[in-house]
Structures are given as structure tokens and as C-alpha cells.
Amino acid sequence: MKDPTITTQQHADHTVVTVAGEIDLASCSALEEATLVIPRDGKTLHLEMSGVSFMDSAGLNLLLKLRRRLLAEGSRLLITGLQSQPASVLRLTETDTLLTPDAAQAAQRS
């Protein structure tokens, strides 16, 4: 398995990291390394995942670890563009409300 394709765009109030490929045990270290070098300064890290077709439990663990680290640093993680398989992983583990804005808003309305 090759590493996912990762691109980064810095904006005044947020950073966008776009990921394409698969996020699994063999490849998630590349995504983790990419997020470590991004200056956050309290900015939101927007992880755009519409190009991610598969994510396993290692990918889920990475997202949760990233969220925890950003919160501790006064930043926020926003995940968008999930395809059905990665979205299913989040729903099955009930982490979708922690990681995606649409699910979090729906949970607040319930």
C-alpha cells in the first residue's frame, strides 16, 4: 500500500489538509507527519477526505489522536467529505459526532 496523497493549504483562520487514497495501518503515518508540521496557533484544521475510499481502525485512531492533540493546543479538527466506507467506520464506532460537523449538529437537534 502506498501512502495517501496529501496537500496542505494555509489560510488566515484555518488550514486545509486534503487527503486522497486509503488511510490504514500501513499509510496513516504519512498523514500524521503532515499534520505535525502545520502551525495551528488556535486555527481550525480542516481535513477534507472526499478522496479517501477506505479507512481502517488505525485511521480512526489517528483521527481521534489528532482531535485530542488539537483540542489540547486550543485548536479544532473539522472533517468533511467522507465517502461511505470511512463514514460508516465513524458511525459504527459512534465517533461521527466528535469528528464531523453534520453529525454533531444532528445530534444536538435530537
C-alpha atoms as a PDB file:
ATOM      1  CA  MET A   1       0.000   0.000   0.000  1.00  0.00           C
ATOM      2  CA  LYS A   2       1.390   3.376  -0.966  1.00  0.00           C
ATOM      3  CA  ASP A   3       0.985   6.479   1.139  1.00  0.00           C
ATOM      4  CA  PRO A   4      -2.072   8.659   0.604  1.00  0.00           C
ATOM      5  CA  THR A   5      -1.757  11.870  -1.387  1.00  0.00           C
ATOM      6  CA  ILE A   6      -1.782  14.838   0.985  1.00  0.00           C
ATOM      7  CA  THR A   7      -1.930  18.526   0.103  1.00  0.00           C
ATOM      8  CA  THR A   8      -1.971  21.454   2.506  1.00  0.00           C
ATOM      9  CA  GLN A   9      -3.329  24.976   2.104  1.00  0.00           C
ATOM     10  CA  GLN A  10      -2.797  27.660   4.733  1.00  0.00           C
ATOM     11  CA  HIS A  11      -5.487  30.330   5.190  1.00  0.00           C
ATOM     12  CA  ALA A  12      -5.705  33.207   7.655  1.00  0.00           C
ATOM     13  CA  ASP A  13      -8.118  31.445  10.020  1.00  0.00           C
ATOM     14  CA  HIS A  14      -7.716  27.766   9.134  1.00  0.00           C
ATOM     15  CA  THR A  15      -5.588  25.165   7.406  1.00  0.00           C
ATOM     16  CA  VAL A  16      -6.996  22.709   4.872  1.00  0.00           C
ATOM     17  CA  VAL A  17      -5.401  19.291   4.505  1.00  0.00           C
ATOM     18  CA  THR A  18      -6.807  17.331   1.575  1.00  0.00           C
ATOM     19  CA  VAL A  19      -6.278  13.574   1.661  1.00  0.00           C
ATOM     20  CA  ALA A  20      -6.764  11.046  -1.154  1.00  0.00           C
ATOM     21  CA  GLY A  21      -6.190   7.297  -1.118  1.00  0.00           C
ATOM     22  CA  GLU A  22      -6.526   4.883   1.773  1.00  0.00           C
ATOM     23  CA  ILE A  23      -5.836   5.553   5.429  1.00  0.00           C
ATOM     24  CA  ASP A  24      -4.788   2.314   7.065  1.00  0.00           C
ATOM     25  CA  LEU A  25      -2.087   0.932   9.332  1.00  0.00           C
ATOM     26  CA  ALA A  26       0.486   0.980   6.544  1.00  0.00           C
ATOM     27  CA  SER A  27      -0.218   4.529   5.387  1.00  0.00           C
ATOM     28  CA  CYS A  28      -1.503   6.645   8.267  1.00  0.00           C
ATOM     29  CA  SER A  29       2.000   7.670   9.385  1.00  0.00           C
ATOM     30  CA  ALA A  30       2.248   9.924   6.307  1.00  0.00           C
ATOM     31  CA  LEU A  31      -0.915  11.783   7.330  1.00  0.00           C
ATOM     32  CA  GLU A  32       0.250  12.056  10.918  1.00  0.00           C
ATOM     33  CA  GLU A  33       3.593  13.503   9.824  1.00  0.00           C
ATOM     34  CA  ALA A  34       1.847  16.035   7.566  1.00  0.00           C
ATOM     35  CA  THR A  35      -0.354  17.286  10.414  1.00  0.00           C
ATOM     36  CA  LEU A  36       2.565  17.608  12.846  1.00  0.00           C
ATOM     37  CA  VAL A  37       4.325  20.291  10.801  1.00  0.00           C
ATOM     38  CA  ILE A  38       1.278  22.539  10.354  1.00  0.00           C
ATOM     39  CA  PRO A  39       1.330  25.638  12.565  1.00  0.00           C
ATOM     40  CA  ARG A  40      -2.032  25.760  14.295  1.00  0.00           C
ATOM     41  CA  ASP A  41      -1.983  28.855  16.502  1.00  0.00           C
ATOM     42  CA  GLY A  42      -5.571  28.166  17.592  1.00  0.00           C
ATOM     43  CA  LYS A  43      -6.696  27.723  13.978  1.00  0.00           C
ATOM     44  CA  THR A  44      -9.094  25.052  12.789  1.00  0.00           C
ATOM     45  CA  LEU A  45      -7.526  22.135  10.933  1.00  0.00           C
ATOM     46  CA  HIS A  46      -9.949  21.209   8.151  1.00  0.00           C
ATOM     47  CA  LEU A  47      -9.348  17.638   6.979  1.00  0.00           C
ATOM     48  CA  GLU A  48     -11.007  17.196   3.578  1.00  0.00           C
ATOM     49  CA  MET A  49     -11.404  13.461   2.959  1.00  0.00           C
ATOM     50  CA  SER A  50     -13.574  13.176  -0.181  1.00  0.00           C
ATOM     51  CA  GLY A  51     -10.683  11.361  -1.879  1.00  0.00           C
ATOM     52  CA  VAL A  52     -10.364   8.722   0.860  1.00  0.00           C
ATOM     53  CA  SER A  53     -12.033   5.484  -0.240  1.00  0.00           C
ATOM     54  CA  PHE A  54     -11.024   3.307   2.736  1.00  0.00           C
ATOM     55  CA  MET A  55     -10.124   3.825   6.386  1.00  0.00           C
ATOM     56  CA  ASP A  56      -9.453   1.142   8.995  1.00  0.00           C
ATOM     57  CA  SER A  57      -9.206   1.285  12.779  1.00  0.00           C
ATOM     58  CA  ALA A  58      -5.655   2.677  12.594  1.00  0.00           C
ATOM     59  CA  GLY A  59      -7.017   5.612  10.586  1.00  0.00           C
ATOM     60  CA  LEU A  60      -9.806   6.122  13.110  1.00  0.00           C
ATOM     61  CA  ASN A  61      -7.278   6.043  15.944  1.00  0.00           C
ATOM     62  CA  LEU A  62      -5.173   8.639  14.137  1.00  0.00           C
ATOM     63  CA  LEU A  63      -8.176  10.967  13.713  1.00  0.00           C
ATOM     64  CA  LEU A  64      -9.092  10.673  17.391  1.00  0.00           C
ATOM     65  CA  LYS A  65      -5.478  11.246  18.465  1.00  0.00           C
ATOM     66  CA  LEU A  66      -5.260  14.272  16.156  1.00  0.00           C
ATOM     67  CA  ARG A  67      -8.511  15.685  17.561  1.00  0.00           C
ATOM     68  CA  ARG A  68      -7.293  15.234  21.141  1.00  0.00           C
ATOM     69  CA  ARG A  69      -3.958  16.941  20.370  1.00  0.00           C
ATOM     70  CA  LEU A  70      -5.611  19.878  18.607  1.00  0.00           C
ATOM     71  CA  LEU A  71      -8.075  20.424  21.451  1.00  0.00           C
ATOM     72  CA  ALA A  72      -5.212  20.435  23.954  1.00  0.00           C
ATOM     73  CA  GLU A  73      -3.483  23.091  21.824  1.00  0.00           C
ATOM     74  CA  GLY A  74      -6.601  25.262  21.607  1.00  0.00           C
ATOM     75  CA  SER A  75      -7.334  24.289  18.011  1.00  0.00           C
ATOM     76  CA  ARG A  76     -10.150  22.344  16.409  1.00  0.00           C
ATOM     77  CA  LEU A  77     -10.429  19.471  13.921  1.00  0.00           C
ATOM     78  CA  LEU A  78     -13.104  19.568  11.219  1.00  0.00           C
ATOM     79  CA  ILE A  79     -13.533  16.538   8.939  1.00  0.00           C
ATOM     80  CA  THR A  80     -15.595  16.811   5.757  1.00  0.00           C
ATOM     81  CA  GLY A  81     -16.231  14.982   2.512  1.00  0.00           C
ATOM     82  CA  LEU A  82     -16.378  11.450   3.882  1.00  0.00           C
ATOM     83  CA  GLN A  83     -17.144   8.685   1.400  1.00  0.00           C
ATOM     84  CA  SER A  84     -19.443   5.879   2.561  1.00  0.00           C
ATOM     85  CA  GLN A  85     -16.839   3.439   3.939  1.00  0.00           C
ATOM     86  CA  PRO A  86     -14.943   5.932   6.155  1.00  0.00           C
ATOM     87  CA  ALA A  87     -18.283   7.476   7.221  1.00  0.00           C
ATOM     88  CA  SER A  88     -19.515   4.000   8.194  1.00  0.00           C
ATOM     89  CA  VAL A  89     -16.455   3.476  10.388  1.00  0.00           C
ATOM     90  CA  LEU A  90     -17.266   6.686  12.252  1.00  0.00           C
ATOM     91  CA  ARG A  91     -20.971   5.848  12.584  1.00  0.00           C
ATOM     92  CA  LEU A  92     -20.315   2.270  13.781  1.00  0.00           C
ATOM     93  CA  THR A  93     -17.916   3.488  16.447  1.00  0.00           C
ATOM     94  CA  GLU A  94     -20.180   6.441  17.334  1.00  0.00           C
ATOM     95  CA  THR A  95     -17.328   8.888  16.762  1.00  0.00           C
ATOM     96  CA  ASP A  96     -19.093  10.710  13.932  1.00  0.00           C
ATOM     97  CA  THR A  97     -20.497  13.337  16.323  1.00  0.00           C
ATOM     98  CA  LEU A  98     -16.967  14.082  17.555  1.00  0.00           C
ATOM     99  CA  LEU A  99     -15.417  14.414  14.134  1.00  0.00           C
ATOM    100  CA  THR A 100     -17.955  15.649  11.581  1.00  0.00           C
ATOM    101  CA  PRO A 101     -19.971  18.880  11.720  1.00  0.00           C
ATOM    102  CA  ASP A 102     -23.157  17.498  10.128  1.00  0.00           C
ATOM    103  CA  ALA A 103     -23.420  14.595  12.574  1.00  0.00           C
ATOM    104  CA  ALA A 104     -22.667  16.848  15.539  1.00  0.00           C
ATOM    105  CA  GLN A 105     -25.387  19.304  14.517  1.00  0.00           C
ATOM    106  CA  ALA A 106     -27.889  16.493  14.017  1.00  0.00           C
ATOM    107  CA  ALA A 107     -27.086  15.080  17.477  1.00  0.00           C
ATOM    108  CA  GLN A 108     -27.671  18.491  19.057  1.00  0.00           C
ATOM    109  CA  ARG A 109     -31.100  18.767  17.389  1.00  0.00           C
ATOM    110  CA  SER A 110     -32.187  15.318  18.676  1.00  0.00           C
END
